[in-house]
Amino acid sequence: MRIIAGNYGGRRLRAVPGMKTRPTTDKIKESMFNIIGPYFSGGVGLDLFAGSGGLSIEAVSRGLEHAYLVDRQYQAIKTINENIEVTKEPARFTVFKNDAERILAKLHADKITVDYLFLDPPYKQQKILSLLTKIIDLQLLNEDAVVICETDQVAQLPDNILNLELTRRADYGITEVVVYRYRGE
């Protein structure tokens, strides 16, 4: 795994040891950023199932101002912190060891809102629809925020959810990337 483009481009990233996480391949990551970017002029990102942190680190490398990374596994948090060290800009990242659903209330209380939301939960747990409902209820998305969901083919996310409008759907074998734009209240 590596950072593909931007300020940190070419730097190598570690994968989380063990079988509990499934890293996004470089091919899918590059395609994903070509869909949503490929570069950004500021903005804040949130990755609720951060794993190795690769998606958020790539987003900051490509111009996001700050990223919040959330994972509940100790090994993932350790790997995220090691990968953030590679950037030499740790102040651009905030890492939470917490459950994705529980952290949402804290983000709301801290008045944190985001422009980019990455959702790549374990395929077997498919919590995307319930998480999106809670995220919108807590008003964590800025208007025109981009929501990037990585799922398996079984999930079959709908074209429109709540105030989210489908902008792109791309298939990569067993993986599907679905991108929405938040249209506000």
N, C-alpha and C. Protein backbone atom coordinates (compact mmCIF):
# COMPACT_ATOMS: atom_id res chain seq x y z
N MET A 1 0.84 -1.18 0.00
CA MET A 1 0.00 0.00 0.00
C MET A 1 0.88 1.24 0.00
N ARG A 2 0.37 2.25 -0.69
CA ARG A 2 1.13 3.50 -0.76
C ARG A 2 0.18 4.67 -0.89
N ILE A 3 0.71 5.86 -0.67
CA ILE A 3 -0.03 7.08 -0.94
C ILE A 3 0.18 7.36 -2.42
N ILE A 4 -0.89 7.50 -3.16
CA ILE A 4 -0.79 7.53 -4.62
C ILE A 4 -0.38 8.90 -5.15
N ALA A 5 -0.99 9.98 -4.63
CA ALA A 5 -0.75 11.30 -5.22
C ALA A 5 -0.76 12.38 -4.15
N GLY A 6 -0.38 13.58 -4.56
CA GLY A 6 -0.41 14.72 -3.66
C GLY A 6 0.90 14.93 -2.93
N ASN A 7 0.82 15.70 -1.83
CA ASN A 7 2.02 16.08 -1.07
C ASN A 7 2.80 14.89 -0.52
N TYR A 8 2.10 13.81 -0.19
CA TYR A 8 2.77 12.64 0.40
C TYR A 8 2.91 11.51 -0.62
N GLY A 9 2.62 11.77 -1.88
CA GLY A 9 2.61 10.74 -2.92
C GLY A 9 3.86 9.89 -2.94
N GLY A 10 3.68 8.58 -3.10
CA GLY A 10 4.78 7.64 -3.20
C GLY A 10 5.21 7.05 -1.87
N ARG A 11 4.81 7.64 -0.76
CA ARG A 11 5.21 7.10 0.54
C ARG A 11 4.44 5.82 0.84
N ARG A 12 5.12 4.88 1.47
CA ARG A 12 4.52 3.58 1.76
C ARG A 12 3.73 3.62 3.05
N LEU A 13 2.63 2.87 3.05
CA LEU A 13 1.78 2.74 4.23
C LEU A 13 1.77 1.29 4.69
N ARG A 14 1.59 1.12 5.99
CA ARG A 14 1.47 -0.22 6.55
C ARG A 14 0.01 -0.67 6.52
N ALA A 15 -0.18 -1.96 6.40
CA ALA A 15 -1.53 -2.54 6.52
C ALA A 15 -1.71 -2.99 7.96
N VAL A 16 -2.95 -3.06 8.40
CA VAL A 16 -3.24 -3.54 9.75
C VAL A 16 -2.96 -5.04 9.77
N PRO A 17 -2.14 -5.51 10.72
CA PRO A 17 -1.86 -6.94 10.79
C PRO A 17 -3.12 -7.76 11.09
N GLY A 18 -3.15 -8.98 10.60
CA GLY A 18 -4.28 -9.86 10.88
C GLY A 18 -5.34 -9.79 9.80
N MET A 19 -6.45 -10.43 10.06
CA MET A 19 -7.52 -10.56 9.05
C MET A 19 -8.77 -9.75 9.40
N LYS A 20 -8.71 -8.89 10.41
CA LYS A 20 -9.91 -8.17 10.83
C LYS A 20 -10.22 -6.95 9.98
N THR A 21 -9.27 -6.50 9.18
CA THR A 21 -9.53 -5.36 8.30
C THR A 21 -9.24 -5.76 6.87
N ARG A 22 -9.86 -5.06 5.95
CA ARG A 22 -9.70 -5.30 4.53
C ARG A 22 -9.29 -3.98 3.89
N PRO A 23 -7.99 -3.81 3.62
CA PRO A 23 -7.56 -2.52 3.08
C PRO A 23 -8.09 -2.28 1.67
N THR A 24 -8.40 -1.03 1.37
CA THR A 24 -8.80 -0.64 0.02
C THR A 24 -7.57 -0.76 -0.87
N THR A 25 -7.70 -1.47 -1.97
CA THR A 25 -6.55 -1.64 -2.86
C THR A 25 -6.17 -0.30 -3.49
N ASP A 26 -4.90 -0.19 -3.91
CA ASP A 26 -4.45 1.05 -4.55
C ASP A 26 -5.28 1.35 -5.80
N LYS A 27 -5.67 0.32 -6.54
CA LYS A 27 -6.46 0.51 -7.76
C LYS A 27 -7.82 1.14 -7.44
N ILE A 28 -8.50 0.60 -6.43
CA ILE A 28 -9.80 1.14 -6.05
C ILE A 28 -9.65 2.53 -5.47
N LYS A 29 -8.61 2.72 -4.64
CA LYS A 29 -8.37 4.04 -4.03
C LYS A 29 -8.13 5.10 -5.12
N GLU A 30 -7.32 4.77 -6.11
CA GLU A 30 -7.05 5.73 -7.18
C GLU A 30 -8.32 6.05 -7.96
N SER A 31 -9.11 5.05 -8.27
CA SER A 31 -10.37 5.27 -8.98
C SER A 31 -11.32 6.12 -8.14
N MET A 32 -11.39 5.83 -6.86
CA MET A 32 -12.27 6.56 -5.94
C MET A 32 -11.91 8.05 -5.94
N PHE A 33 -10.62 8.36 -5.85
CA PHE A 33 -10.22 9.76 -5.82
C PHE A 33 -10.36 10.43 -7.17
N ASN A 34 -10.27 9.68 -8.25
CA ASN A 34 -10.55 10.26 -9.56
C ASN A 34 -12.03 10.64 -9.67
N ILE A 35 -12.90 9.89 -9.01
CA ILE A 35 -14.33 10.19 -9.01
C ILE A 35 -14.64 11.43 -8.17
N ILE A 36 -14.05 11.52 -6.98
CA ILE A 36 -14.43 12.60 -6.05
C ILE A 36 -13.51 13.80 -6.08
N GLY A 37 -12.40 13.74 -6.74
CA GLY A 37 -11.42 14.81 -6.67
C GLY A 37 -10.96 15.24 -8.05
N PRO A 38 -9.78 14.91 -8.40
CA PRO A 38 -8.82 14.10 -7.64
C PRO A 38 -8.07 14.89 -6.57
N TYR A 39 -8.18 16.23 -6.62
CA TYR A 39 -7.50 17.05 -5.61
C TYR A 39 -8.53 17.96 -4.94
N PHE A 40 -8.19 18.45 -3.76
CA PHE A 40 -9.13 19.26 -2.98
C PHE A 40 -8.48 20.57 -2.58
N SER A 41 -9.31 21.59 -2.40
CA SER A 41 -8.79 22.86 -1.87
C SER A 41 -9.43 23.06 -0.50
N GLY A 42 -8.92 22.32 0.47
CA GLY A 42 -9.43 22.41 1.83
C GLY A 42 -10.54 21.41 2.07
N GLY A 43 -11.22 21.61 3.20
CA GLY A 43 -12.30 20.71 3.59
C GLY A 43 -11.87 19.77 4.70
N VAL A 44 -12.86 19.13 5.29
CA VAL A 44 -12.63 18.22 6.42
C VAL A 44 -13.22 16.86 6.06
N GLY A 45 -12.49 15.81 6.41
CA GLY A 45 -12.94 14.45 6.13
C GLY A 45 -13.16 13.65 7.40
N LEU A 46 -14.03 12.66 7.31
CA LEU A 46 -14.31 11.73 8.40
C LEU A 46 -14.31 10.33 7.84
N ASP A 47 -13.52 9.45 8.44
CA ASP A 47 -13.45 8.04 8.04
C ASP A 47 -13.85 7.22 9.25
N LEU A 48 -15.07 6.65 9.20
CA LEU A 48 -15.61 5.96 10.38
C LEU A 48 -15.08 4.54 10.59
N PHE A 49 -14.54 3.93 9.59
CA PHE A 49 -13.95 2.59 9.71
C PHE A 49 -12.56 2.68 9.08
N ALA A 50 -11.67 3.40 9.74
CA ALA A 50 -10.43 3.85 9.12
C ALA A 50 -9.43 2.75 8.79
N GLY A 51 -9.44 1.63 9.50
CA GLY A 51 -8.50 0.56 9.18
C GLY A 51 -7.06 1.03 9.31
N SER A 52 -6.35 1.13 8.18
CA SER A 52 -4.95 1.59 8.18
C SER A 52 -4.86 3.11 8.09
N GLY A 53 -5.98 3.77 7.80
CA GLY A 53 -5.98 5.22 7.62
C GLY A 53 -5.68 5.67 6.21
N GLY A 54 -5.51 4.72 5.31
CA GLY A 54 -5.08 5.03 3.95
C GLY A 54 -5.97 6.00 3.19
N LEU A 55 -7.29 5.89 3.33
CA LEU A 55 -8.18 6.79 2.59
C LEU A 55 -8.05 8.23 3.08
N SER A 56 -8.04 8.42 4.39
CA SER A 56 -7.92 9.78 4.94
C SER A 56 -6.56 10.39 4.68
N ILE A 57 -5.53 9.58 4.78
CA ILE A 57 -4.17 10.08 4.51
C ILE A 57 -4.06 10.48 3.05
N GLU A 58 -4.63 9.69 2.17
CA GLU A 58 -4.66 10.04 0.73
C GLU A 58 -5.42 11.35 0.52
N ALA A 59 -6.56 11.51 1.19
CA ALA A 59 -7.37 12.72 1.03
C ALA A 59 -6.62 13.97 1.51
N VAL A 60 -5.93 13.87 2.64
CA VAL A 60 -5.15 15.00 3.14
C VAL A 60 -3.97 15.27 2.21
N SER A 61 -3.34 14.22 1.71
CA SER A 61 -2.25 14.38 0.76
C SER A 61 -2.71 15.15 -0.48
N ARG A 62 -3.97 14.97 -0.85
CA ARG A 62 -4.53 15.61 -2.04
C ARG A 62 -5.20 16.96 -1.74
N GLY A 63 -5.07 17.46 -0.51
CA GLY A 63 -5.51 18.82 -0.24
C GLY A 63 -6.55 19.01 0.85
N LEU A 64 -7.10 17.94 1.42
CA LEU A 64 -8.02 18.13 2.54
C LEU A 64 -7.26 18.80 3.68
N GLU A 65 -7.92 19.70 4.38
CA GLU A 65 -7.29 20.44 5.47
C GLU A 65 -7.07 19.56 6.71
N HIS A 66 -8.08 18.73 7.04
CA HIS A 66 -8.01 17.91 8.25
C HIS A 66 -8.84 16.65 8.06
N ALA A 67 -8.45 15.58 8.74
CA ALA A 67 -9.21 14.33 8.69
C ALA A 67 -9.36 13.75 10.08
N TYR A 68 -10.56 13.25 10.34
CA TYR A 68 -10.88 12.52 11.57
C TYR A 68 -10.96 11.05 11.20
N LEU A 69 -10.21 10.22 11.92
CA LEU A 69 -10.17 8.79 11.64
C LEU A 69 -10.67 8.04 12.86
N VAL A 70 -11.58 7.10 12.65
CA VAL A 70 -12.19 6.36 13.73
C VAL A 70 -12.05 4.86 13.47
N ASP A 71 -11.60 4.14 14.45
CA ASP A 71 -11.61 2.68 14.40
C ASP A 71 -11.66 2.18 15.83
N ARG A 72 -12.21 1.00 16.03
CA ARG A 72 -12.34 0.49 17.39
C ARG A 72 -11.28 -0.54 17.76
N GLN A 73 -10.50 -0.99 16.79
CA GLN A 73 -9.50 -2.02 17.05
C GLN A 73 -8.15 -1.40 17.42
N TYR A 74 -7.55 -1.95 18.45
CA TYR A 74 -6.25 -1.46 18.90
C TYR A 74 -5.21 -1.52 17.79
N GLN A 75 -5.13 -2.64 17.07
CA GLN A 75 -4.12 -2.80 16.01
C GLN A 75 -4.33 -1.77 14.91
N ALA A 76 -5.58 -1.47 14.59
CA ALA A 76 -5.85 -0.47 13.56
C ALA A 76 -5.38 0.91 14.01
N ILE A 77 -5.68 1.28 15.25
CA ILE A 77 -5.27 2.59 15.77
C ILE A 77 -3.75 2.71 15.77
N LYS A 78 -3.08 1.66 16.18
CA LYS A 78 -1.61 1.65 16.18
C LYS A 78 -1.08 1.86 14.75
N THR A 79 -1.68 1.15 13.79
CA THR A 79 -1.25 1.27 12.39
C THR A 79 -1.55 2.66 11.84
N ILE A 80 -2.73 3.20 12.14
CA ILE A 80 -3.10 4.55 11.70
C ILE A 80 -2.05 5.55 12.19
N ASN A 81 -1.72 5.49 13.46
CA ASN A 81 -0.74 6.43 14.02
C ASN A 81 0.63 6.28 13.37
N GLU A 82 1.04 5.05 13.08
CA GLU A 82 2.31 4.83 12.38
C GLU A 82 2.25 5.41 10.97
N ASN A 83 1.13 5.24 10.29
CA ASN A 83 1.00 5.77 8.93
C ASN A 83 0.92 7.29 8.92
N ILE A 84 0.31 7.87 9.92
CA ILE A 84 0.27 9.34 10.02
C ILE A 84 1.68 9.89 10.20
N GLU A 85 2.53 9.18 10.93
CA GLU A 85 3.92 9.62 11.12
C GLU A 85 4.63 9.78 9.78
N VAL A 86 4.27 8.97 8.80
CA VAL A 86 4.88 9.03 7.47
C VAL A 86 4.64 10.39 6.81
N THR A 87 3.52 11.04 7.16
CA THR A 87 3.18 12.33 6.55
C THR A 87 4.00 13.48 7.11
N LYS A 88 4.53 13.32 8.30
CA LYS A 88 5.27 14.36 9.02
C LYS A 88 4.40 15.59 9.31
N GLU A 89 3.07 15.41 9.28
CA GLU A 89 2.12 16.48 9.59
C GLU A 89 0.98 15.93 10.46
N PRO A 90 1.30 15.44 11.64
CA PRO A 90 0.28 14.80 12.48
C PRO A 90 -0.84 15.74 12.92
N ALA A 91 -0.61 17.05 12.93
CA ALA A 91 -1.64 18.00 13.36
C ALA A 91 -2.82 18.04 12.40
N ARG A 92 -2.67 17.48 11.21
CA ARG A 92 -3.75 17.48 10.22
C ARG A 92 -4.70 16.29 10.39
N PHE A 93 -4.45 15.49 11.43
CA PHE A 93 -5.24 14.29 11.66
C PHE A 93 -5.67 14.20 13.12
N THR A 94 -6.88 13.71 13.36
CA THR A 94 -7.36 13.41 14.70
C THR A 94 -7.84 11.97 14.68
N VAL A 95 -7.32 11.16 15.60
CA VAL A 95 -7.63 9.73 15.62
C VAL A 95 -8.43 9.41 16.88
N PHE A 96 -9.52 8.67 16.69
CA PHE A 96 -10.36 8.22 17.81
C PHE A 96 -10.41 6.70 17.83
N LYS A 97 -10.10 6.12 18.99
CA LYS A 97 -10.33 4.69 19.18
C LYS A 97 -11.72 4.57 19.80
N ASN A 98 -12.69 4.24 18.94
CA ASN A 98 -14.06 4.21 19.39
C ASN A 98 -14.90 3.48 18.35
N ASP A 99 -16.09 3.12 18.73
CA ASP A 99 -17.06 2.53 17.83
C ASP A 99 -17.62 3.64 16.93
N ALA A 100 -17.84 3.33 15.67
CA ALA A 100 -18.30 4.32 14.70
C ALA A 100 -19.60 4.99 15.14
N GLU A 101 -20.54 4.21 15.65
CA GLU A 101 -21.82 4.79 16.05
C GLU A 101 -21.70 5.67 17.29
N ARG A 102 -20.85 5.27 18.22
CA ARG A 102 -20.70 6.05 19.46
C ARG A 102 -19.99 7.37 19.25
N ILE A 103 -19.08 7.43 18.30
CA ILE A 103 -18.30 8.66 18.11
C ILE A 103 -19.15 9.79 17.52
N LEU A 104 -20.25 9.44 16.86
CA LEU A 104 -21.07 10.47 16.21
C LEU A 104 -21.62 11.49 17.20
N ALA A 105 -22.04 11.04 18.37
CA ALA A 105 -22.55 11.98 19.38
C ALA A 105 -21.45 12.94 19.84
N LYS A 106 -20.23 12.43 19.98
CA LYS A 106 -19.11 13.29 20.38
C LYS A 106 -18.82 14.34 19.30
N LEU A 107 -18.81 13.91 18.06
CA LEU A 107 -18.56 14.86 16.97
C LEU A 107 -19.64 15.94 16.95
N HIS A 108 -20.88 15.54 17.17
CA HIS A 108 -21.98 16.50 17.22
C HIS A 108 -21.80 17.48 18.38
N ALA A 109 -21.46 16.95 19.56
CA ALA A 109 -21.27 17.81 20.74
C ALA A 109 -20.11 18.79 20.52
N ASP A 110 -19.08 18.35 19.79
CA ASP A 110 -17.93 19.21 19.50
C ASP A 110 -18.16 20.13 18.30
N LYS A 111 -19.39 20.07 17.73
CA LYS A 111 -19.77 20.89 16.58
C LYS A 111 -18.86 20.68 15.37
N ILE A 112 -18.47 19.43 15.16
CA ILE A 112 -17.64 19.09 14.01
C ILE A 112 -18.56 18.70 12.85
N THR A 113 -18.33 19.33 11.71
CA THR A 113 -19.04 18.97 10.49
C THR A 113 -18.01 18.66 9.41
N VAL A 114 -18.41 17.83 8.45
CA VAL A 114 -17.43 17.37 7.46
C VAL A 114 -17.91 17.59 6.04
N ASP A 115 -16.93 17.64 5.14
CA ASP A 115 -17.18 17.81 3.71
C ASP A 115 -17.06 16.50 2.95
N TYR A 116 -16.33 15.55 3.53
CA TYR A 116 -16.12 14.23 2.91
C TYR A 116 -16.29 13.17 3.98
N LEU A 117 -17.12 12.19 3.69
CA LEU A 117 -17.38 11.09 4.63
C LEU A 117 -17.04 9.79 3.93
N PHE A 118 -16.12 9.02 4.52
CA PHE A 118 -15.73 7.72 4.00
C PHE A 118 -16.37 6.63 4.86
N LEU A 119 -17.13 5.75 4.23
CA LEU A 119 -17.77 4.64 4.94
C LEU A 119 -17.37 3.33 4.27
N ASP A 120 -16.56 2.57 4.97
CA ASP A 120 -16.10 1.27 4.47
C ASP A 120 -16.20 0.26 5.61
N PRO A 121 -17.44 -0.02 6.07
CA PRO A 121 -17.59 -0.94 7.20
C PRO A 121 -17.29 -2.38 6.79
N PRO A 122 -17.07 -3.25 7.76
CA PRO A 122 -16.92 -4.67 7.41
C PRO A 122 -18.12 -5.11 6.56
N TYR A 123 -17.86 -5.82 5.48
CA TYR A 123 -18.93 -6.20 4.55
C TYR A 123 -20.07 -6.94 5.24
N LYS A 124 -19.76 -7.77 6.20
CA LYS A 124 -20.80 -8.57 6.86
C LYS A 124 -21.72 -7.72 7.73
N GLN A 125 -21.26 -6.54 8.17
CA GLN A 125 -22.04 -5.73 9.10
C GLN A 125 -22.93 -4.70 8.42
N GLN A 126 -22.67 -4.34 7.18
CA GLN A 126 -23.44 -3.38 6.41
C GLN A 126 -24.33 -2.45 7.24
N LYS A 127 -23.71 -1.50 7.88
CA LYS A 127 -24.41 -0.53 8.73
C LYS A 127 -24.61 0.81 8.03
N ILE A 128 -24.34 0.88 6.75
CA ILE A 128 -24.29 2.17 6.07
C ILE A 128 -25.60 2.95 6.17
N LEU A 129 -26.72 2.32 5.90
CA LEU A 129 -27.99 3.06 5.91
C LEU A 129 -28.32 3.62 7.29
N SER A 130 -28.14 2.82 8.34
CA SER A 130 -28.43 3.31 9.69
C SER A 130 -27.45 4.40 10.10
N LEU A 131 -26.18 4.26 9.73
CA LEU A 131 -25.18 5.29 10.04
C LEU A 131 -25.51 6.60 9.33
N LEU A 132 -25.87 6.52 8.07
CA LEU A 132 -26.19 7.74 7.33
C LEU A 132 -27.39 8.46 7.93
N THR A 133 -28.39 7.71 8.36
CA THR A 133 -29.55 8.31 9.01
C THR A 133 -29.12 9.08 10.26
N LYS A 134 -28.29 8.45 11.07
CA LYS A 134 -27.83 9.09 12.31
C LYS A 134 -26.95 10.31 12.02
N ILE A 135 -26.08 10.20 11.04
CA ILE A 135 -25.18 11.30 10.66
C ILE A 135 -25.98 12.51 10.20
N ILE A 136 -27.01 12.27 9.40
CA ILE A 136 -27.85 13.37 8.91
C ILE A 136 -28.67 13.96 10.05
N ASP A 137 -29.22 13.10 10.90
CA ASP A 137 -29.99 13.58 12.06
C ASP A 137 -29.15 14.48 12.97
N LEU A 138 -27.87 14.14 13.12
CA LEU A 138 -26.97 14.91 13.98
C LEU A 138 -26.35 16.11 13.25
N GLN A 139 -26.70 16.29 11.99
CA GLN A 139 -26.22 17.42 11.18
C GLN A 139 -24.69 17.49 11.13
N LEU A 140 -24.07 16.34 10.84
CA LEU A 140 -22.61 16.28 10.77
C LEU A 140 -22.06 16.58 9.38
N LEU A 141 -22.95 16.64 8.38
CA LEU A 141 -22.51 16.88 7.01
C LEU A 141 -22.75 18.33 6.62
N ASN A 142 -21.76 18.94 6.02
CA ASN A 142 -21.94 20.27 5.43
C ASN A 142 -22.73 20.12 4.14
N GLU A 143 -23.40 21.18 3.73
CA GLU A 143 -24.12 21.12 2.46
C GLU A 143 -23.14 20.82 1.33
N ASP A 144 -23.56 19.99 0.40
CA ASP A 144 -22.75 19.51 -0.73
C ASP A 144 -21.63 18.56 -0.30
N ALA A 145 -21.69 18.05 0.92
CA ALA A 145 -20.70 17.06 1.36
C ALA A 145 -20.76 15.84 0.44
N VAL A 146 -19.63 15.21 0.27
CA VAL A 146 -19.52 14.00 -0.56
C VAL A 146 -19.41 12.80 0.37
N VAL A 147 -20.25 11.79 0.12
CA VAL A 147 -20.26 10.57 0.93
C VAL A 147 -19.80 9.43 0.04
N ILE A 148 -18.72 8.76 0.44
CA ILE A 148 -18.13 7.69 -0.34
C ILE A 148 -18.31 6.39 0.43
N CYS A 149 -19.07 5.46 -0.16
CA CYS A 149 -19.35 4.17 0.48
C CYS A 149 -18.66 3.06 -0.29
N GLU A 150 -17.92 2.23 0.42
CA GLU A 150 -17.31 1.06 -0.20
C GLU A 150 -17.99 -0.16 0.40
N THR A 151 -18.62 -0.96 -0.47
CA THR A 151 -19.38 -2.13 -0.02
C THR A 151 -19.08 -3.32 -0.91
N ASP A 152 -19.71 -4.44 -0.60
CA ASP A 152 -19.67 -5.56 -1.52
C ASP A 152 -20.90 -5.46 -2.41
N GLN A 153 -20.99 -6.33 -3.41
CA GLN A 153 -22.10 -6.30 -4.36
C GLN A 153 -23.45 -6.62 -3.70
N VAL A 154 -23.44 -7.32 -2.58
CA VAL A 154 -24.67 -7.74 -1.91
C VAL A 154 -25.41 -6.55 -1.29
N ALA A 155 -24.70 -5.52 -0.87
CA ALA A 155 -25.31 -4.39 -0.15
C ALA A 155 -26.37 -3.68 -0.97
N GLN A 156 -26.14 -3.46 -2.25
CA GLN A 156 -27.09 -2.80 -3.15
C GLN A 156 -27.70 -1.54 -2.54
N LEU A 157 -26.86 -0.55 -2.31
CA LEU A 157 -27.34 0.73 -1.77
C LEU A 157 -28.27 1.40 -2.77
N PRO A 158 -29.33 2.06 -2.28
CA PRO A 158 -30.28 2.71 -3.19
C PRO A 158 -29.67 3.95 -3.85
N ASP A 159 -30.30 4.40 -4.93
CA ASP A 159 -29.80 5.57 -5.65
C ASP A 159 -29.93 6.85 -4.82
N ASN A 160 -31.01 6.97 -4.06
CA ASN A 160 -31.20 8.15 -3.23
C ASN A 160 -31.57 7.73 -1.82
N ILE A 161 -30.89 8.30 -0.85
CA ILE A 161 -31.13 8.03 0.56
C ILE A 161 -31.31 9.37 1.25
N LEU A 162 -32.43 9.55 1.92
CA LEU A 162 -32.67 10.78 2.68
C LEU A 162 -32.39 11.99 1.79
N ASN A 163 -31.45 12.84 2.18
CA ASN A 163 -31.10 14.02 1.38
C ASN A 163 -29.80 13.80 0.62
N LEU A 164 -29.50 12.55 0.33
CA LEU A 164 -28.30 12.21 -0.42
C LEU A 164 -28.69 11.80 -1.84
N GLU A 165 -27.98 12.34 -2.79
CA GLU A 165 -28.25 12.07 -4.19
C GLU A 165 -27.08 11.31 -4.80
N LEU A 166 -27.37 10.21 -5.47
CA LEU A 166 -26.32 9.40 -6.10
C LEU A 166 -25.61 10.21 -7.17
N THR A 167 -24.28 10.22 -7.13
CA THR A 167 -23.53 10.87 -8.19
C THR A 167 -22.75 9.87 -9.03
N ARG A 168 -22.41 8.72 -8.43
CA ARG A 168 -21.64 7.72 -9.19
C ARG A 168 -21.69 6.37 -8.48
N ARG A 169 -21.71 5.33 -9.28
CA ARG A 169 -21.65 3.95 -8.79
C ARG A 169 -20.63 3.24 -9.67
N ALA A 170 -19.65 2.59 -9.05
CA ALA A 170 -18.61 1.90 -9.82
C ALA A 170 -18.35 0.52 -9.22
N ASP A 171 -18.25 -0.48 -10.09
CA ASP A 171 -18.01 -1.85 -9.66
C ASP A 171 -16.56 -2.24 -9.91
N TYR A 172 -15.98 -2.92 -8.92
CA TYR A 172 -14.61 -3.42 -9.01
C TYR A 172 -14.61 -4.86 -8.51
N GLY A 173 -15.10 -5.79 -9.31
CA GLY A 173 -15.16 -7.18 -8.86
C GLY A 173 -16.19 -7.34 -7.76
N ILE A 174 -15.74 -7.80 -6.59
CA ILE A 174 -16.68 -7.97 -5.47
C ILE A 174 -16.96 -6.66 -4.75
N THR A 175 -16.20 -5.62 -5.05
CA THR A 175 -16.33 -4.33 -4.37
C THR A 175 -17.13 -3.35 -5.22
N GLU A 176 -17.98 -2.58 -4.56
CA GLU A 176 -18.72 -1.52 -5.22
C GLU A 176 -18.45 -0.21 -4.47
N VAL A 177 -18.20 0.84 -5.21
CA VAL A 177 -18.04 2.18 -4.64
C VAL A 177 -19.25 3.00 -5.06
N VAL A 178 -19.94 3.56 -4.06
CA VAL A 178 -21.12 4.37 -4.31
C VAL A 178 -20.85 5.76 -3.73
N VAL A 179 -21.05 6.79 -4.54
CA VAL A 179 -20.76 8.16 -4.13
C VAL A 179 -22.06 8.97 -4.16
N TYR A 180 -22.31 9.67 -3.03
CA TYR A 180 -23.49 10.52 -2.90
C TYR A 180 -23.05 11.96 -2.63
N ARG A 181 -23.95 12.89 -2.92
CA ARG A 181 -23.75 14.29 -2.53
C ARG A 181 -24.92 14.67 -1.62
N TYR A 182 -24.57 15.32 -0.50
CA TYR A 182 -25.58 15.73 0.47
C TYR A 182 -26.21 17.05 0.02
N ARG A 183 -27.53 17.07 -0.09
CA ARG A 183 -28.23 18.25 -0.58
C ARG A 183 -28.77 19.13 0.54
N GLY A 184 -28.40 18.87 1.76
CA GLY A 184 -28.82 19.72 2.88
C GLY A 184 -30.22 19.42 3.32
N GLU A 185 -30.69 20.21 4.27
CA GLU A 185 -32.02 19.99 4.86
C GLU A 185 -33.13 20.22 3.87
